[in-house]
Amino acid sequence: MASKRDYRLDNIRGALIFLVVFCHLLVELPHGPLVGVLYQVVYLFHMPAFVFVTGYFARFRPQRIAAGLLLPYVVFQVISIVRRNLVAGRVWFVGMTLLYPQWTLWYLLACVLWYVTIPLLDKATTRRTQTIVVAAGLVLSVVCGFAPWLGEFMDLARVVALFPFFAAGYYAGRHRLSERIDALGPAMLRRVRLASVCAVGVLTALHYLHGSCPAYVLYRDTPFASMWDFEARVLVQLVAAAWCLMLMVCAPQRDLGFVSVAGRNTMSVYLLHPWVIRVLRHVPPLPGSELFKVAVCAVVAAIILVALGNDRVGTAFRYVFAGGWLKKTSHDRAMAGRGQAPNGQDGS
């Protein structure tokens, strides 16, 4: 008998992949007050939360890591570099490399690096040691900003900065956090939700009192230029951690239609939506107010989710680029029933 589908995680992923697409559309607009605020708020948490969810279902299976992460990374990296060269009028193979990810492809390479740490994460067998691992990762994610040699090469700066969220998600998955949340009584669940919302509110307020972050701080991909950056990184990491908890306890455990569908097909959305945006760049600028342009971006993002995140596209994509052609194990079938692709990948 298949395990019950975990709609909570589907819904979280669906919301997060919408925000990924939405923000990539927002940056195409002229920067204004509303765009700036939305960008600040979303980038505080959406990628750390996606890393957390990726870690939640992660398992160390080298064959599936190669098929579900390395294969699509290599294919789309080569296609992206060839396109860039042809547009620039250069020979197609100029600058061909797998060590400097193109645009959104950094996430696939980062997932490979995070997945290979799973055997080490498994050595922490008690909650106490697992907490120490996550705490140590959080400290490392902050102090790594002082290392100028971490940067664009394999996107190591972001890999290290986001690792604690992967580790936290991995341990949360092993302890079946979603099922434990389902087991909470209504009164306790309300208290936990209130506490998580308050934590997000307080930490976000502290973040804004410290000052709005430039993009490179929110991306976590650039060494610190001053102690202000260091303080901002600390706040950004704490806000993101609070958001991860709030999303887990507040996301509904029921089918939300196309949000849930997109949530189980995030890989196809993540890898294909940049090509849609490249086409949309040739569309004339939108007229009207900033609010109208933001609303249009939200509608377009929803359309992209429906077009690229439906089950037909997602199933075909997983078959080719996520190891769907590999022989499924009993564990793979159980994971699929719980709402996760057999190889545990999420995209983002």
Protein backbone atom coordinates (compact mmCIF):
# COMPACT_ATOMS: atom_id res chain seq x y z
CA MET A 1 0.00 0.00 0.00
CA ALA A 2 1.42 3.40 -1.01
CA SER A 3 2.13 5.94 1.68
CA LYS A 4 -0.19 8.90 2.05
CA ARG A 5 0.78 11.78 -0.19
CA ASP A 6 2.33 14.68 1.69
CA TYR A 7 0.43 17.66 0.30
CA ARG A 8 2.08 19.97 2.84
CA LEU A 9 5.42 19.64 1.08
CA ASP A 10 3.77 19.79 -2.37
CA ASN A 11 2.06 23.05 -1.42
CA ILE A 12 5.23 24.58 0.00
CA ARG A 13 7.16 23.70 -3.14
CA GLY A 14 4.35 24.99 -5.34
CA ALA A 15 4.36 28.34 -3.55
CA LEU A 16 8.15 28.57 -3.62
CA ILE A 17 8.54 27.73 -7.32
CA PHE A 18 5.90 30.39 -8.05
CA LEU A 19 8.02 32.91 -6.12
CA VAL A 20 11.14 31.84 -8.04
CA VAL A 21 9.45 32.51 -11.37
CA PHE A 22 7.75 35.66 -10.09
CA CYS A 23 11.04 37.18 -8.86
CA HIS A 24 12.81 36.36 -12.11
CA LEU A 25 10.05 38.28 -13.89
CA LEU A 26 10.23 41.15 -11.39
CA VAL A 27 13.90 41.84 -12.12
CA GLU A 28 12.92 42.56 -15.73
CA LEU A 29 10.88 45.55 -14.53
CA PRO A 30 12.29 49.02 -13.78
CA HIS A 31 13.21 49.12 -10.10
CA GLY A 32 10.57 50.90 -8.02
CA PRO A 33 9.48 51.01 -4.37
CA LEU A 34 7.01 48.11 -4.64
CA VAL A 35 9.39 45.92 -6.65
CA GLY A 36 12.14 46.67 -4.15
CA VAL A 37 10.04 45.65 -1.14
CA LEU A 38 8.78 42.46 -2.78
CA TYR A 39 12.28 41.53 -3.84
CA GLN A 40 13.63 42.10 -0.33
CA VAL A 41 10.92 40.04 1.36
CA VAL A 42 10.91 37.09 -1.03
CA TYR A 43 14.69 36.74 -1.25
CA LEU A 44 14.91 36.61 2.52
CA PHE A 45 13.48 33.11 2.56
CA HIS A 46 12.44 31.50 -0.72
CA MET A 47 15.73 29.82 -1.69
CA PRO A 48 16.67 28.72 1.86
CA ALA A 49 13.18 27.24 2.17
CA PHE A 50 13.60 25.45 -1.14
CA VAL A 51 16.91 24.04 0.05
CA PHE A 52 15.20 22.88 3.26
CA VAL A 53 12.50 21.04 1.29
CA THR A 54 15.13 19.53 -1.02
CA GLY A 55 16.99 18.20 2.00
CA TYR A 56 13.75 16.86 3.50
CA PHE A 57 13.50 14.07 0.93
CA ALA A 58 17.17 13.74 0.02
CA ARG A 59 18.76 10.29 -0.08
CA PHE A 60 22.27 9.28 -1.08
CA ARG A 61 21.88 7.23 -4.26
CA PRO A 62 24.82 7.94 -6.60
CA GLN A 63 23.13 6.57 -9.72
CA ARG A 64 20.08 8.76 -9.26
CA ILE A 65 22.15 11.79 -8.33
CA ALA A 66 23.98 11.39 -11.62
CA ALA A 67 20.77 10.89 -13.62
CA GLY A 68 18.60 13.42 -11.81
CA LEU A 69 21.09 16.23 -11.14
CA LEU A 70 24.31 15.91 -13.10
CA LEU A 71 22.67 14.95 -16.41
CA PRO A 72 20.24 17.91 -16.57
CA TYR A 73 22.97 20.21 -15.27
CA VAL A 74 25.39 19.24 -18.03
CA VAL A 75 22.73 19.35 -20.76
CA PHE A 76 21.30 22.74 -19.81
CA GLN A 77 24.71 24.22 -19.01
CA VAL A 78 25.99 23.33 -22.49
CA ILE A 79 22.81 24.61 -24.16
CA SER A 80 22.99 27.89 -22.20
CA ILE A 81 26.64 28.52 -23.11
CA VAL A 82 26.04 27.68 -26.78
CA ARG A 83 23.05 30.06 -26.87
CA ARG A 84 25.06 32.83 -25.19
CA ASN A 85 27.88 32.46 -27.70
CA LEU A 86 25.61 32.37 -30.73
CA VAL A 87 23.76 35.49 -29.57
CA ALA A 88 27.10 37.25 -29.06
CA GLY A 89 28.36 36.13 -32.48
CA ARG A 90 31.12 33.95 -31.04
CA VAL A 91 32.15 30.40 -31.82
CA TRP A 92 29.67 28.12 -30.06
CA PHE A 93 32.15 26.38 -27.75
CA VAL A 94 33.94 29.49 -26.41
CA GLY A 95 34.02 29.50 -22.60
CA MET A 96 32.55 26.01 -22.37
CA THR A 97 32.80 24.97 -18.72
CA LEU A 98 30.90 23.01 -16.10
CA LEU A 99 32.54 24.77 -13.16
CA TYR A 100 30.78 28.14 -13.49
CA PRO A 101 26.99 27.54 -13.57
CA GLN A 102 24.84 29.64 -15.89
CA TRP A 103 22.09 31.67 -14.20
CA THR A 104 19.64 29.32 -12.40
CA LEU A 105 21.74 26.19 -12.96
CA TRP A 106 23.78 26.83 -9.83
CA TYR A 107 21.08 25.03 -7.86
CA LEU A 108 21.60 21.69 -9.59
CA LEU A 109 25.34 21.80 -9.00
CA ALA A 110 24.77 22.86 -5.40
CA CYS A 111 22.40 19.92 -4.90
CA VAL A 112 25.10 17.52 -6.10
CA LEU A 113 27.53 18.94 -3.55
CA TRP A 114 24.94 18.85 -0.76
CA TYR A 115 23.90 15.29 -1.59
CA VAL A 116 27.43 13.97 -1.35
CA THR A 117 27.55 15.19 2.26
CA ILE A 118 24.69 12.86 3.25
CA PRO A 119 26.99 9.99 4.35
CA LEU A 120 28.64 12.48 6.72
CA LEU A 121 25.27 13.81 7.91
CA ASP A 122 24.23 10.23 8.67
CA LYS A 123 27.06 9.92 11.18
CA ALA A 124 25.07 12.20 13.48
CA THR A 125 22.62 9.65 14.86
CA THR A 126 21.13 11.49 17.85
CA ARG A 127 19.06 14.67 17.92
CA ARG A 128 21.76 16.35 19.98
CA THR A 129 24.52 15.66 17.45
CA GLN A 130 22.22 16.56 14.58
CA THR A 131 21.44 19.88 16.25
CA ILE A 132 25.16 20.49 16.65
CA VAL A 133 25.73 19.75 12.94
CA VAL A 134 23.01 22.22 11.88
CA ALA A 135 24.25 24.87 14.34
CA ALA A 136 27.84 24.42 13.13
CA GLY A 137 26.62 24.70 9.54
CA LEU A 138 24.77 27.90 10.41
CA VAL A 139 27.91 29.41 11.95
CA LEU A 140 29.95 28.34 8.91
CA SER A 141 27.33 29.83 6.59
CA VAL A 142 27.95 33.20 8.23
CA VAL A 143 31.73 33.20 8.65
CA CYS A 144 32.25 31.91 5.09
CA GLY A 145 31.48 35.46 3.99
CA PHE A 146 34.95 36.39 5.23
CA ALA A 147 36.54 33.97 2.71
CA PRO A 148 37.25 35.95 -0.48
CA TRP A 149 38.20 32.79 -2.37
CA LEU A 150 34.62 31.52 -2.13
CA GLY A 151 32.64 32.92 -5.01
CA GLU A 152 31.47 32.07 -8.50
CA PHE A 153 33.60 28.93 -8.86
CA MET A 154 31.01 26.12 -8.57
CA ASP A 155 28.99 28.78 -6.72
CA LEU A 156 30.71 27.62 -3.53
CA ALA A 157 29.77 30.77 -1.62
CA ARG A 158 26.07 29.95 -1.96
CA VAL A 159 26.66 26.24 -1.47
CA VAL A 160 28.22 26.86 1.95
CA ALA A 161 25.80 29.64 2.91
CA LEU A 162 22.73 27.49 2.24
CA PHE A 163 24.11 24.16 3.50
CA PRO A 164 22.59 24.42 7.02
CA PHE A 165 19.13 24.58 5.48
CA PHE A 166 19.81 21.39 3.54
CA ALA A 167 21.11 19.67 6.69
CA ALA A 168 18.11 20.88 8.73
CA GLY A 169 15.72 19.67 6.04
CA TYR A 170 17.48 16.31 5.82
CA TYR A 171 17.19 15.69 9.55
CA ALA A 172 13.61 16.98 9.57
CA GLY A 173 12.79 14.42 6.89
CA ARG A 174 14.43 11.61 8.82
CA HIS A 175 12.36 12.52 11.87
CA ARG A 176 9.21 12.86 9.69
CA LEU A 177 8.51 16.39 10.81
CA SER A 178 5.45 16.73 8.58
CA GLU A 179 3.82 13.70 10.19
CA ARG A 180 4.65 15.02 13.65
CA ILE A 181 2.96 18.31 12.76
CA ASP A 182 -0.12 16.38 11.61
CA ALA A 183 -0.16 14.63 14.98
CA LEU A 184 -0.31 17.89 16.95
CA GLY A 185 -3.62 18.75 18.56
CA PRO A 186 -5.50 21.84 17.30
CA ALA A 187 -4.61 23.95 20.35
CA MET A 188 -0.92 23.06 20.23
CA LEU A 189 -0.79 23.63 16.47
CA ARG A 190 -2.29 27.10 16.91
CA ARG A 191 0.35 27.95 19.52
CA VAL A 192 3.18 26.69 17.32
CA ARG A 193 1.86 28.64 14.34
CA LEU A 194 1.53 31.81 16.42
CA ALA A 195 5.07 31.40 17.76
CA SER A 196 6.50 30.87 14.25
CA VAL A 197 4.65 33.89 12.85
CA CYS A 198 5.89 36.04 15.74
CA ALA A 199 9.45 34.83 15.18
CA VAL A 200 9.25 35.74 11.49
CA GLY A 201 7.78 39.15 12.34
CA VAL A 202 10.35 40.04 14.99
CA LEU A 203 13.37 38.86 12.99
CA THR A 204 12.13 40.53 9.80
CA ALA A 205 11.64 43.78 11.73
CA LEU A 206 15.22 43.54 13.04
CA HIS A 207 16.39 42.94 9.48
CA TYR A 208 14.69 46.10 8.24
CA LEU A 209 15.90 48.13 11.21
CA HIS A 210 19.40 47.09 10.25
CA GLY A 211 18.77 48.35 6.71
CA SER A 212 17.60 46.93 3.39
CA CYS A 213 20.11 44.52 1.90
CA PRO A 214 21.67 44.89 -1.54
CA ALA A 215 21.11 41.95 -3.86
CA TYR A 216 24.54 40.40 -3.28
CA VAL A 217 23.76 39.99 0.44
CA LEU A 218 20.40 38.35 -0.27
CA TYR A 219 22.03 36.07 -2.86
CA ARG A 220 24.68 35.02 -0.33
CA ASP A 221 27.17 34.65 -3.17
CA THR A 222 29.65 37.47 -2.49
CA PRO A 223 32.29 37.92 0.26
CA PHE A 224 31.61 40.57 2.89
CA ALA A 225 32.67 44.10 2.02
CA SER A 226 32.20 45.33 5.62
CA MET A 227 30.96 44.30 9.05
CA TRP A 228 27.54 45.60 7.98
CA ASP A 229 27.38 42.72 5.48
CA PHE A 230 28.30 40.28 8.24
CA GLU A 231 25.52 41.54 10.50
CA ALA A 232 23.07 41.44 7.59
CA ARG A 233 24.03 37.81 6.82
CA VAL A 234 23.34 36.83 10.43
CA LEU A 235 19.87 38.41 10.31
CA VAL A 236 19.09 37.01 6.86
CA GLN A 237 19.95 33.47 7.96
CA LEU A 238 17.84 33.74 11.12
CA VAL A 239 14.87 35.17 9.21
CA ALA A 240 15.13 32.34 6.66
CA ALA A 241 15.22 29.72 9.43
CA ALA A 242 12.10 31.20 11.00
CA TRP A 243 10.35 31.18 7.61
CA CYS A 244 11.18 27.49 7.11
CA LEU A 245 9.50 26.66 10.41
CA MET A 246 6.50 28.87 9.69
CA LEU A 247 5.95 27.34 6.25
CA MET A 248 6.08 23.82 7.67
CA VAL A 249 3.51 24.47 10.40
CA CYS A 250 1.24 26.78 8.39
CA ALA A 251 1.10 25.05 4.99
CA PRO A 252 -2.17 23.13 4.56
CA GLN A 253 -2.14 19.34 4.35
CA ARG A 254 -4.64 19.15 1.49
CA ASP A 255 -4.73 19.30 -2.29
CA LEU A 256 -4.62 22.93 -3.49
CA GLY A 257 -5.10 22.21 -7.17
CA PHE A 258 -2.50 23.61 -9.52
CA VAL A 259 -0.33 24.75 -6.57
CA SER A 260 0.03 21.14 -5.41
CA VAL A 261 0.53 19.92 -8.97
CA ALA A 262 3.26 22.47 -9.63
CA GLY A 263 4.79 21.50 -6.30
CA ARG A 264 5.41 17.96 -7.45
CA ASN A 265 6.79 19.14 -10.81
CA THR A 266 9.20 21.85 -9.74
CA MET A 267 12.18 20.55 -11.72
CA SER A 268 10.55 21.13 -15.10
CA VAL A 269 9.40 24.60 -14.06
CA TYR A 270 12.79 25.54 -12.65
CA LEU A 271 14.81 24.48 -15.68
CA LEU A 272 12.43 25.58 -18.43
CA HIS A 273 11.09 28.92 -17.14
CA PRO A 274 14.35 30.85 -17.85
CA TRP A 275 13.86 30.11 -21.54
CA VAL A 276 10.34 31.56 -21.41
CA ILE A 277 11.71 34.67 -19.71
CA ARG A 278 14.39 35.03 -22.40
CA VAL A 279 11.60 35.11 -25.00
CA LEU A 280 9.55 37.58 -22.94
CA ARG A 281 12.50 40.00 -22.89
CA HIS A 282 11.71 40.75 -26.53
CA VAL A 283 8.19 41.89 -25.64
CA PRO A 284 7.76 45.71 -25.52
CA PRO A 285 7.86 47.22 -21.99
CA LEU A 286 4.60 47.13 -20.07
CA PRO A 287 2.67 50.40 -19.79
CA GLY A 288 0.89 51.52 -16.65
CA SER A 289 1.70 51.81 -12.97
CA GLU A 290 4.20 49.76 -11.03
CA LEU A 291 1.36 47.93 -9.26
CA PHE A 292 -0.16 46.95 -12.62
CA LYS A 293 3.20 45.63 -13.87
CA VAL A 294 3.71 43.58 -10.71
CA ALA A 295 0.20 42.13 -11.09
CA VAL A 296 0.96 41.18 -14.69
CA CYS A 297 4.15 39.45 -13.55
CA ALA A 298 2.15 37.46 -11.00
CA VAL A 299 -0.36 36.38 -13.65
CA VAL A 300 2.40 35.44 -16.10
CA ALA A 301 4.19 33.47 -13.36
CA ALA A 302 0.98 31.54 -12.65
CA ILE A 303 0.54 30.80 -16.37
CA ILE A 304 4.12 29.52 -16.57
CA LEU A 305 3.46 27.25 -13.59
CA VAL A 306 0.37 25.79 -15.24
CA ALA A 307 2.15 25.33 -18.58
CA LEU A 308 5.43 23.89 -17.31
CA GLY A 309 4.41 22.38 -13.99
CA ASN A 310 1.53 20.15 -15.02
CA ASP A 311 1.79 16.39 -14.59
CA ARG A 312 2.30 15.64 -18.29
CA VAL A 313 5.30 17.92 -18.63
CA GLY A 314 6.62 16.95 -15.22
CA THR A 315 6.37 13.21 -15.86
CA ALA A 316 8.09 13.50 -19.25
CA PHE A 317 10.78 15.70 -17.76
CA ARG A 318 11.43 13.33 -14.87
CA TYR A 319 11.67 10.39 -17.24
CA VAL A 320 14.41 12.06 -19.28
CA PHE A 321 16.20 14.26 -16.75
CA ALA A 322 15.43 12.87 -13.30
CA GLY A 323 16.26 9.20 -13.65
CA GLY A 324 12.71 8.08 -14.42
CA TRP A 325 14.14 5.50 -16.82
CA LEU A 326 16.06 3.85 -13.98
CA LYS A 327 14.56 0.81 -12.32
CA LYS A 328 12.45 1.87 -9.37
CA THR A 329 13.06 0.39 -5.95
CA SER A 330 10.38 -0.21 -3.33
CA HIS A 331 11.70 2.89 -1.50
CA ASP A 332 11.30 4.97 -4.68
CA ARG A 333 7.66 3.90 -5.00
CA ALA A 334 7.01 4.77 -1.37
CA MET A 335 8.63 8.19 -1.79
CA ALA A 336 6.54 8.88 -4.89
CA GLY A 337 3.43 8.06 -2.88
CA ARG A 338 4.47 10.57 -0.22
CA GLY A 339 4.70 13.32 -2.80
CA GLN A 340 8.34 13.25 -3.91
CA ALA A 341 10.12 12.27 -7.11
CA PRO A 342 11.90 8.94 -6.58
CA ASN A 343 15.35 10.48 -6.63
CA GLY A 344 14.42 13.13 -4.10
CA GLN A 345 15.17 16.14 -6.32
CA ASP A 346 13.11 19.29 -6.23
CA GLY A 347 14.59 21.78 -8.60
CA SER A 348 14.25 25.45 -7.59
